[in-house]
Amino acid sequence: MHRRHFPTATVETFTVLMIAPTERRRDALRKGIHGKPGSELWKFVSQTDLAPESFLYGSIFFPCQGDPRPLVKKVEQATPTTTQSS
């Protein structure tokens, strides 16, 4: 449905980020949204877990059901290999 408002969007779906002031409020919101239409789009985090070092890659974002995950998956960079000439 987001394409109605954003017809030139290049992504198939989007994510709703909910930042709650406390862990208790985060968990209550997760429980309240679970099972509702579009609940799979939501990610919940407690403000107490947010920090510059954890924001993108820390496993602090909870879906409605299940374990926390990072907002962005870290891509492992391959180490360059050196070739020896004969």
PDB file of N, CA and C in Angstrom:
ATOM      1  N   MET A   1       0.806  -1.200   0.000  1.00  0.00           N
ATOM      2  CA  MET A   1       0.000   0.000   0.000  1.00  0.00           C
ATOM      3  C   MET A   1       0.852   1.269   0.000  1.00  0.00           C
ATOM      4  N   HIS A   2       2.133   1.157   0.411  1.00  0.00           N
ATOM      5  CA  HIS A   2       2.959   2.367   0.422  1.00  0.00           C
ATOM      6  C   HIS A   2       3.197   2.903  -0.983  1.00  0.00           C
ATOM      7  N   ARG A   3       3.041   2.061  -1.990  1.00  0.00           N
ATOM      8  CA  ARG A   3       3.237   2.515  -3.372  1.00  0.00           C
ATOM      9  C   ARG A   3       2.121   3.469  -3.826  1.00  0.00           C
ATOM     10  N   ARG A   4       0.985   3.459  -3.159  1.00  0.00           N
ATOM     11  CA  ARG A   4      -0.059   4.446  -3.479  1.00  0.00           C
ATOM     12  C   ARG A   4       0.449   5.864  -3.251  1.00  0.00           C
ATOM     13  N   HIS A   5       1.191   6.032  -2.172  1.00  0.00           N
ATOM     14  CA  HIS A   5       1.700   7.349  -1.807  1.00  0.00           C
ATOM     15  C   HIS A   5       3.088   7.608  -2.389  1.00  0.00           C
ATOM     16  N   PHE A   6       3.840   6.531  -2.602  1.00  0.00           N
ATOM     17  CA  PHE A   6       5.206   6.651  -3.107  1.00  0.00           C
ATOM     18  C   PHE A   6       5.375   5.717  -4.314  1.00  0.00           C
ATOM     19  N   PRO A   7       4.791   6.052  -5.445  1.00  0.00           N
ATOM     20  CA  PRO A   7       4.801   5.148  -6.602  1.00  0.00           C
ATOM     21  C   PRO A   7       6.185   4.892  -7.185  1.00  0.00           C
ATOM     22  N   THR A   8       7.140   5.747  -6.922  1.00  0.00           N
ATOM     23  CA  THR A   8       8.478   5.539  -7.467  1.00  0.00           C
ATOM     24  C   THR A   8       9.415   4.848  -6.478  1.00  0.00           C
ATOM     25  N   ALA A   9       8.887   4.336  -5.375  1.00  0.00           N
ATOM     26  CA  ALA A   9       9.717   3.651  -4.380  1.00  0.00           C
ATOM     27  C   ALA A   9      10.419   2.457  -5.013  1.00  0.00           C
ATOM     28  N   THR A  10      11.642   2.226  -4.581  1.00  0.00           N
ATOM     29  CA  THR A  10      12.431   1.122  -5.135  1.00  0.00           C
ATOM     30  C   THR A  10      12.513  -0.078  -4.205  1.00  0.00           C
ATOM     31  N   VAL A  11      11.813  -0.036  -3.094  1.00  0.00           N
ATOM     32  CA  VAL A  11      11.800  -1.160  -2.159  1.00  0.00           C
ATOM     33  C   VAL A  11      10.410  -1.771  -2.124  1.00  0.00           C
ATOM     34  N   GLU A  12      10.365  -3.068  -1.886  1.00  0.00           N
ATOM     35  CA  GLU A  12       9.087  -3.777  -1.855  1.00  0.00           C
ATOM     36  C   GLU A  12       8.293  -3.507  -0.588  1.00  0.00           C
ATOM     37  N   THR A  13       8.984  -3.235   0.502  1.00  0.00           N
ATOM     38  CA  THR A  13       8.310  -3.033   1.774  1.00  0.00           C
ATOM     39  C   THR A  13       9.077  -1.988   2.577  1.00  0.00           C
ATOM     40  N   PHE A  14       8.633  -1.688   3.747  1.00  0.00           N
ATOM     41  CA  PHE A  14       9.301  -0.731   4.618  1.00  0.00           C
ATOM     42  C   PHE A  14       9.242  -1.257   6.041  1.00  0.00           C
ATOM     43  N   THR A  15       9.890  -0.558   6.957  1.00  0.00           N
ATOM     44  CA  THR A  15       9.911  -0.945   8.355  1.00  0.00           C
ATOM     45  C   THR A  15       9.428   0.223   9.203  1.00  0.00           C
ATOM     46  N   VAL A  16       8.623  -0.091  10.198  1.00  0.00           N
ATOM     47  CA  VAL A  16       8.183   0.905  11.175  1.00  0.00           C
ATOM     48  C   VAL A  16       9.055   0.732  12.410  1.00  0.00           C
ATOM     49  N   LEU A  17       9.809   1.762  12.771  1.00  0.00           N
ATOM     50  CA  LEU A  17      10.654   1.705  13.960  1.00  0.00           C
ATOM     51  C   LEU A  17       9.937   2.395  15.109  1.00  0.00           C
ATOM     52  N   MET A  18       9.787   1.675  16.204  1.00  0.00           N
ATOM     53  CA  MET A  18       9.145   2.225  17.398  1.00  0.00           C
ATOM     54  C   MET A  18      10.180   2.299  18.506  1.00  0.00           C
ATOM     55  N   ILE A  19      10.492   3.509  18.949  1.00  0.00           N
ATOM     56  CA  ILE A  19      11.438   3.695  20.047  1.00  0.00           C
ATOM     57  C   ILE A  19      10.633   3.987  21.303  1.00  0.00           C
ATOM     58  N   ALA A  20      10.703   3.056  22.235  1.00  0.00           N
ATOM     59  CA  ALA A  20       9.961   3.174  23.497  1.00  0.00           C
ATOM     60  C   ALA A  20      10.905   3.701  24.581  1.00  0.00           C
ATOM     61  N   PRO A  21      10.375   4.420  25.558  1.00  0.00           N
ATOM     62  CA  PRO A  21      11.244   4.984  26.600  1.00  0.00           C
ATOM     63  C   PRO A  21      11.859   3.931  27.524  1.00  0.00           C
ATOM     64  N   THR A  22      11.180   2.792  27.711  1.00  0.00           N
ATOM     65  CA  THR A  22      11.687   1.754  28.618  1.00  0.00           C
ATOM     66  C   THR A  22      11.494   0.367  27.987  1.00  0.00           C
ATOM     67  N   GLU A  23      12.190  -0.599  28.525  1.00  0.00           N
ATOM     68  CA  GLU A  23      12.035  -1.979  28.056  1.00  0.00           C
ATOM     69  C   GLU A  23      10.611  -2.487  28.314  1.00  0.00           C
ATOM     70  N   ARG A  24      10.060  -2.121  29.450  1.00  0.00           N
ATOM     71  CA  ARG A  24       8.707  -2.553  29.792  1.00  0.00           C
ATOM     72  C   ARG A  24       7.687  -2.028  28.775  1.00  0.00           C
ATOM     73  N   ARG A  25       7.827  -0.781  28.388  1.00  0.00           N
ATOM     74  CA  ARG A  25       6.922  -0.195  27.392  1.00  0.00           C
ATOM     75  C   ARG A  25       7.139  -0.848  26.020  1.00  0.00           C
ATOM     76  N   ARG A  26       8.397  -1.106  25.663  1.00  0.00           N
ATOM     77  CA  ARG A  26       8.708  -1.797  24.410  1.00  0.00           C
ATOM     78  C   ARG A  26       7.990  -3.140  24.348  1.00  0.00           C
ATOM     79  N   ASP A  27       8.089  -3.905  25.404  1.00  0.00           N
ATOM     80  CA  ASP A  27       7.477  -5.237  25.430  1.00  0.00           C
ATOM     81  C   ASP A  27       5.952  -5.164  25.401  1.00  0.00           C
ATOM     82  N   ALA A  28       5.375  -4.164  26.046  1.00  0.00           N
ATOM     83  CA  ALA A  28       3.916  -3.995  26.027  1.00  0.00           C
ATOM     84  C   ALA A  28       3.446  -3.636  24.609  1.00  0.00           C
ATOM     85  N   LEU A  29       4.193  -2.792  23.925  1.00  0.00           N
ATOM     86  CA  LEU A  29       3.840  -2.413  22.555  1.00  0.00           C
ATOM     87  C   LEU A  29       3.970  -3.603  21.603  1.00  0.00           C
ATOM     88  N   ARG A  30       5.006  -4.392  21.770  1.00  0.00           N
ATOM     89  CA  ARG A  30       5.173  -5.607  20.949  1.00  0.00           C
ATOM     90  C   ARG A  30       3.962  -6.523  21.100  1.00  0.00           C
ATOM     91  N   LYS A  31       3.559  -6.709  22.330  1.00  0.00           N
ATOM     92  CA  LYS A  31       2.413  -7.572  22.611  1.00  0.00           C
ATOM     93  C   LYS A  31       1.136  -6.998  22.002  1.00  0.00           C
ATOM     94  N   GLY A  32       0.973  -5.683  22.082  1.00  0.00           N
ATOM     95  CA  GLY A  32      -0.229  -5.043  21.562  1.00  0.00           C
ATOM     96  C   GLY A  32      -0.321  -5.056  20.039  1.00  0.00           C
ATOM     97  N   ILE A  33       0.804  -4.965  19.350  1.00  0.00           N
ATOM     98  CA  ILE A  33       0.818  -4.939  17.883  1.00  0.00           C
ATOM     99  C   ILE A  33       0.782  -6.346  17.293  1.00  0.00           C
ATOM    100  N   HIS A  34       1.296  -7.322  18.020  1.00  0.00           N
ATOM    101  CA  HIS A  34       1.355  -8.708  17.524  1.00  0.00           C
ATOM    102  C   HIS A  34      -0.023  -9.192  17.062  1.00  0.00           C
ATOM    103  N   GLY A  35      -0.059  -9.749  15.864  1.00  0.00           N
ATOM    104  CA  GLY A  35      -1.303 -10.293  15.325  1.00  0.00           C
ATOM    105  C   GLY A  35      -2.140  -9.292  14.537  1.00  0.00           C
ATOM    106  N   LYS A  36      -1.778  -8.031  14.591  1.00  0.00           N
ATOM    107  CA  LYS A  36      -2.508  -7.009  13.836  1.00  0.00           C
ATOM    108  C   LYS A  36      -2.003  -6.995  12.389  1.00  0.00           C
ATOM    109  N   PRO A  37      -2.818  -6.520  11.446  1.00  0.00           N
ATOM    110  CA  PRO A  37      -2.348  -6.417  10.058  1.00  0.00           C
ATOM    111  C   PRO A  37      -1.098  -5.534   9.979  1.00  0.00           C
ATOM    112  N   GLY A  38      -0.088  -6.026   9.286  1.00  0.00           N
ATOM    113  CA  GLY A  38       1.159  -5.289   9.130  1.00  0.00           C
ATOM    114  C   GLY A  38       2.119  -5.416  10.291  1.00  0.00           C
ATOM    115  N   SER A  39       1.818  -6.265  11.259  1.00  0.00           N
ATOM    116  CA  SER A  39       2.682  -6.380  12.437  1.00  0.00           C
ATOM    117  C   SER A  39       4.096  -6.846  12.086  1.00  0.00           C
ATOM    118  N   GLU A  40       4.252  -7.534  10.961  1.00  0.00           N
ATOM    119  CA  GLU A  40       5.579  -8.015  10.553  1.00  0.00           C
ATOM    120  C   GLU A  40       6.490  -6.864  10.117  1.00  0.00           C
ATOM    121  N   LEU A  41       5.943  -5.686   9.916  1.00  0.00           N
ATOM    122  CA  LEU A  41       6.729  -4.526   9.492  1.00  0.00           C
ATOM    123  C   LEU A  41       7.373  -3.784  10.666  1.00  0.00           C
ATOM    124  N   TRP A  42       6.915  -4.071  11.879  1.00  0.00           N
ATOM    125  CA  TRP A  42       7.344  -3.310  13.050  1.00  0.00           C
ATOM    126  C   TRP A  42       8.617  -3.864  13.666  1.00  0.00           C
ATOM    127  N   LYS A  43       9.468  -2.935  14.160  1.00  0.00           N
ATOM    128  CA  LYS A  43      10.637  -3.267  14.968  1.00  0.00           C
ATOM    129  C   LYS A  43      10.604  -2.332  16.176  1.00  0.00           C
ATOM    130  N   PHE A  44      10.829  -2.901  17.342  1.00  0.00           N
ATOM    131  CA  PHE A  44      10.733  -2.161  18.599  1.00  0.00           C
ATOM    132  C   PHE A  44      12.084  -2.133  19.292  1.00  0.00           C
ATOM    133  N   VAL A  45      12.411  -0.992  19.882  1.00  0.00           N
ATOM    134  CA  VAL A  45      13.650  -0.858  20.636  1.00  0.00           C
ATOM    135  C   VAL A  45      13.383   0.039  21.838  1.00  0.00           C
ATOM    136  N   SER A  46      14.097  -0.229  22.906  1.00  0.00           N
ATOM    137  CA  SER A  46      14.024   0.613  24.092  1.00  0.00           C
ATOM    138  C   SER A  46      15.062   1.719  23.959  1.00  0.00           C
ATOM    139  N   GLN A  47      14.692   2.911  24.349  1.00  0.00           N
ATOM    140  CA  GLN A  47      15.626   4.032  24.296  1.00  0.00           C
ATOM    141  C   GLN A  47      16.863   3.743  25.139  1.00  0.00           C
ATOM    142  N   THR A  48      16.700   2.946  26.178  1.00  0.00           N
ATOM    143  CA  THR A  48      17.836   2.612  27.050  1.00  0.00           C
ATOM    144  C   THR A  48      18.864   1.739  26.338  1.00  0.00           C
ATOM    145  N   ASP A  49      18.477   1.069  25.235  1.00  0.00           N
ATOM    146  CA  ASP A  49      19.411   0.228  24.485  1.00  0.00           C
ATOM    147  C   ASP A  49      20.102   0.965  23.345  1.00  0.00           C
ATOM    148  N   LEU A  50      19.610   2.150  23.016  1.00  0.00           N
ATOM    149  CA  LEU A  50      20.183   2.897  21.897  1.00  0.00           C
ATOM    150  C   LEU A  50      21.497   3.560  22.291  1.00  0.00           C
ATOM    151  N   ALA A  51      22.484   3.366  21.453  1.00  0.00           N
ATOM    152  CA  ALA A  51      23.785   4.003  21.620  1.00  0.00           C
ATOM    153  C   ALA A  51      24.416   4.080  20.228  1.00  0.00           C
ATOM    154  N   PRO A  52      25.309   5.012  20.001  1.00  0.00           N
ATOM    155  CA  PRO A  52      25.913   5.110  18.675  1.00  0.00           C
ATOM    156  C   PRO A  52      26.526   3.798  18.192  1.00  0.00           C
ATOM    157  N   GLU A  53      27.145   3.050  19.092  1.00  0.00           N
ATOM    158  CA  GLU A  53      27.803   1.800  18.690  1.00  0.00           C
ATOM    159  C   GLU A  53      26.829   0.642  18.479  1.00  0.00           C
ATOM    160  N   SER A  54      25.602   0.752  18.981  1.00  0.00           N
ATOM    161  CA  SER A  54      24.642  -0.355  18.836  1.00  0.00           C
ATOM    162  C   SER A  54      23.529  -0.073  17.835  1.00  0.00           C
ATOM    163  N   PHE A  55      23.380   1.186  17.406  1.00  0.00           N
ATOM    164  CA  PHE A  55      22.215   1.560  16.617  1.00  0.00           C
ATOM    165  C   PHE A  55      22.055   0.752  15.328  1.00  0.00           C
ATOM    166  N   LEU A  56      23.058   0.629  14.519  1.00  0.00           N
ATOM    167  CA  LEU A  56      22.909  -0.079  13.248  1.00  0.00           C
ATOM    168  C   LEU A  56      23.130  -1.578  13.370  1.00  0.00           C
ATOM    169  N   TYR A  57      24.177  -1.976  14.094  1.00  0.00           N
ATOM    170  CA  TYR A  57      24.596  -3.375  14.061  1.00  0.00           C
ATOM    171  C   TYR A  57      24.332  -4.168  15.338  1.00  0.00           C
ATOM    172  N   GLY A  58      23.839  -3.529  16.382  1.00  0.00           N
ATOM    173  CA  GLY A  58      23.552  -4.248  17.624  1.00  0.00           C
ATOM    174  C   GLY A  58      22.225  -4.991  17.542  1.00  0.00           C
ATOM    175  N   SER A  59      22.152  -6.139  18.142  1.00  0.00           N
ATOM    176  CA  SER A  59      20.907  -6.921  18.161  1.00  0.00           C
ATOM    177  C   SER A  59      19.988  -6.363  19.245  1.00  0.00           C
ATOM    178  N   ILE A  60      19.394  -5.202  18.949  1.00  0.00           N
ATOM    179  CA  ILE A  60      18.548  -4.511  19.926  1.00  0.00           C
ATOM    180  C   ILE A  60      17.142  -4.254  19.403  1.00  0.00           C
ATOM    181  N   PHE A  61      16.865  -4.584  18.143  1.00  0.00           N
ATOM    182  CA  PHE A  61      15.562  -4.326  17.541  1.00  0.00           C
ATOM    183  C   PHE A  61      14.720  -5.596  17.558  1.00  0.00           C
ATOM    184  N   PHE A  62      13.604  -5.545  18.269  1.00  0.00           N
ATOM    185  CA  PHE A  62      12.737  -6.700  18.440  1.00  0.00           C
ATOM    186  C   PHE A  62      11.586  -6.673  17.435  1.00  0.00           C
ATOM    187  N   PRO A  63      11.337  -7.799  16.756  1.00  0.00           N
ATOM    188  CA  PRO A  63      10.092  -7.894  15.988  1.00  0.00           C
ATOM    189  C   PRO A  63       8.951  -8.133  16.983  1.00  0.00           C
ATOM    190  N   CYS A  64       7.724  -8.240  16.500  1.00  0.00           N
ATOM    191  CA  CYS A  64       6.601  -8.499  17.414  1.00  0.00           C
ATOM    192  C   CYS A  64       6.780  -9.813  18.159  1.00  0.00           C
ATOM    193  N   GLN A  65       7.388 -10.762  17.505  1.00  0.00           N
ATOM    194  CA  GLN A  65       7.595 -12.070  18.120  1.00  0.00           C
ATOM    195  C   GLN A  65       8.978 -12.557  17.741  1.00  0.00           C
ATOM    196  N   GLY A  66       9.729 -13.028  18.699  1.00  0.00           N
ATOM    197  CA  GLY A  66      11.047 -13.568  18.413  1.00  0.00           C
ATOM    198  C   GLY A  66      12.163 -12.773  19.067  1.00  0.00           C
ATOM    199  N   ASP A  67      13.363 -13.135  18.687  1.00  0.00           N
ATOM    200  CA  ASP A  67      14.564 -12.560  19.283  1.00  0.00           C
ATOM    201  C   ASP A  67      14.955 -11.251  18.605  1.00  0.00           C
ATOM    202  N   PRO A  68      15.700 -10.418  19.331  1.00  0.00           N
ATOM    203  CA  PRO A  68      16.144  -9.149  18.745  1.00  0.00           C
ATOM    204  C   PRO A  68      17.146  -9.382  17.624  1.00  0.00           C
ATOM    205  N   ARG A  69      17.175  -8.432  16.698  1.00  0.00           N
ATOM    206  CA  ARG A  69      18.066  -8.499  15.545  1.00  0.00           C
ATOM    207  C   ARG A  69      18.671  -7.120  15.329  1.00  0.00           C
ATOM    208  N   PRO A  70      19.751  -7.061  14.578  1.00  0.00           N
ATOM    209  CA  PRO A  70      20.287  -5.737  14.231  1.00  0.00           C
ATOM    210  C   PRO A  70      19.408  -5.077  13.172  1.00  0.00           C
ATOM    211  N   LEU A  71      19.465  -3.779  13.097  1.00  0.00           N
ATOM    212  CA  LEU A  71      18.731  -3.035  12.079  1.00  0.00           C
ATOM    213  C   LEU A  71      19.341  -3.296  10.699  1.00  0.00           C
ATOM    214  N   VAL A  72      20.667  -3.384  10.663  1.00  0.00           N
ATOM    215  CA  VAL A  72      21.396  -3.645   9.422  1.00  0.00           C
ATOM    216  C   VAL A  72      22.319  -4.834   9.645  1.00  0.00           C
ATOM    217  N   LYS A  73      22.291  -5.779   8.717  1.00  0.00           N
ATOM    218  CA  LYS A  73      23.200  -6.920   8.811  1.00  0.00           C
ATOM    219  C   LYS A  73      24.588  -6.478   8.387  1.00  0.00           C
ATOM    220  N   LYS A  74      25.560  -6.835   9.193  1.00  0.00           N
ATOM    221  CA  LYS A  74      26.934  -6.483   8.887  1.00  0.00           C
ATOM    222  C   LYS A  74      27.446  -7.388   7.775  1.00  0.00           C
ATOM    223  N   VAL A  75      28.073  -6.786   6.795  1.00  0.00           N
ATOM    224  CA  VAL A  75      28.664  -7.554   5.697  1.00  0.00           C
ATOM    225  C   VAL A  75      30.134  -7.740   6.022  1.00  0.00           C
ATOM    226  N   GLU A  76      30.521  -8.995   6.077  1.00  0.00           N
ATOM    227  CA  GLU A  76      31.924  -9.307   6.351  1.00  0.00           C
ATOM    228  C   GLU A  76      32.739  -8.991   5.108  1.00  0.00           C
ATOM    229  N   GLN A  77      33.813  -8.239   5.307  1.00  0.00           N
ATOM    230  CA  GLN A  77      34.670  -7.913   4.179  1.00  0.00           C
ATOM    231  C   GLN A  77      35.749  -8.972   4.051  1.00  0.00           C
ATOM    232  N   ALA A  78      35.963  -9.405   2.827  1.00  0.00           N
ATOM    233  CA  ALA A  78      37.004 -10.387   2.574  1.00  0.00           C
ATOM    234  C   ALA A  78      38.359  -9.704   2.680  1.00  0.00           C
ATOM    235  N   THR A  79      39.313 -10.421   3.246  1.00  0.00           N
ATOM    236  CA  THR A  79      40.645  -9.869   3.317  1.00  0.00           C
ATOM    237  C   THR A  79      41.337 -10.084   1.981  1.00  0.00           C
ATOM    238  N   PRO A  80      42.030  -9.091   1.513  1.00  0.00           N
ATOM    239  CA  PRO A  80      42.688  -9.246   0.212  1.00  0.00           C
ATOM    240  C   PRO A  80      43.772 -10.296   0.282  1.00  0.00           C
ATOM    241  N   THR A  81      43.861 -11.077  -0.757  1.00  0.00           N
ATOM    242  CA  THR A  81      44.908 -12.093  -0.834  1.00  0.00           C
ATOM    243  C   THR A  81      46.022 -11.574  -1.723  1.00  0.00           C
ATOM    244  N   THR A  82      47.202 -11.956  -1.389  1.00  0.00           N
ATOM    245  CA  THR A  82      48.337 -11.529  -2.199  1.00  0.00           C
ATOM    246  C   THR A  82      48.759 -12.686  -3.083  1.00  0.00           C
ATOM    247  N   THR A  83      49.159 -12.367  -4.266  1.00  0.00           N
ATOM    248  CA  THR A  83      49.637 -13.405  -5.178  1.00  0.00           C
ATOM    249  C   THR A  83      51.144 -13.273  -5.312  1.00  0.00           C
ATOM    250  N   GLN A  84      51.783 -14.391  -5.370  1.00  0.00           N
ATOM    251  CA  GLN A  84      53.222 -14.389  -5.502  1.00  0.00           C
ATOM    252  C   GLN A  84      53.593 -14.649  -6.947  1.00  0.00           C
ATOM    253  N   SER A  85      54.534 -13.876  -7.456  1.00  0.00           N
ATOM    254  CA  SER A  85      54.980 -14.147  -8.824  1.00  0.00           C
ATOM    255  C   SER A  85      56.168 -15.086  -8.804  1.00  0.00           C
ATOM    256  N   SER A  86      56.253 -15.889  -9.817  1.00  0.00           N
ATOM    257  CA  SER A  86      57.328 -16.870  -9.905  1.00  0.00           C
ATOM    258  C   SER A  86      58.556 -16.266 -10.492  1.00  0.00           C
TER     259      SER A  86
END
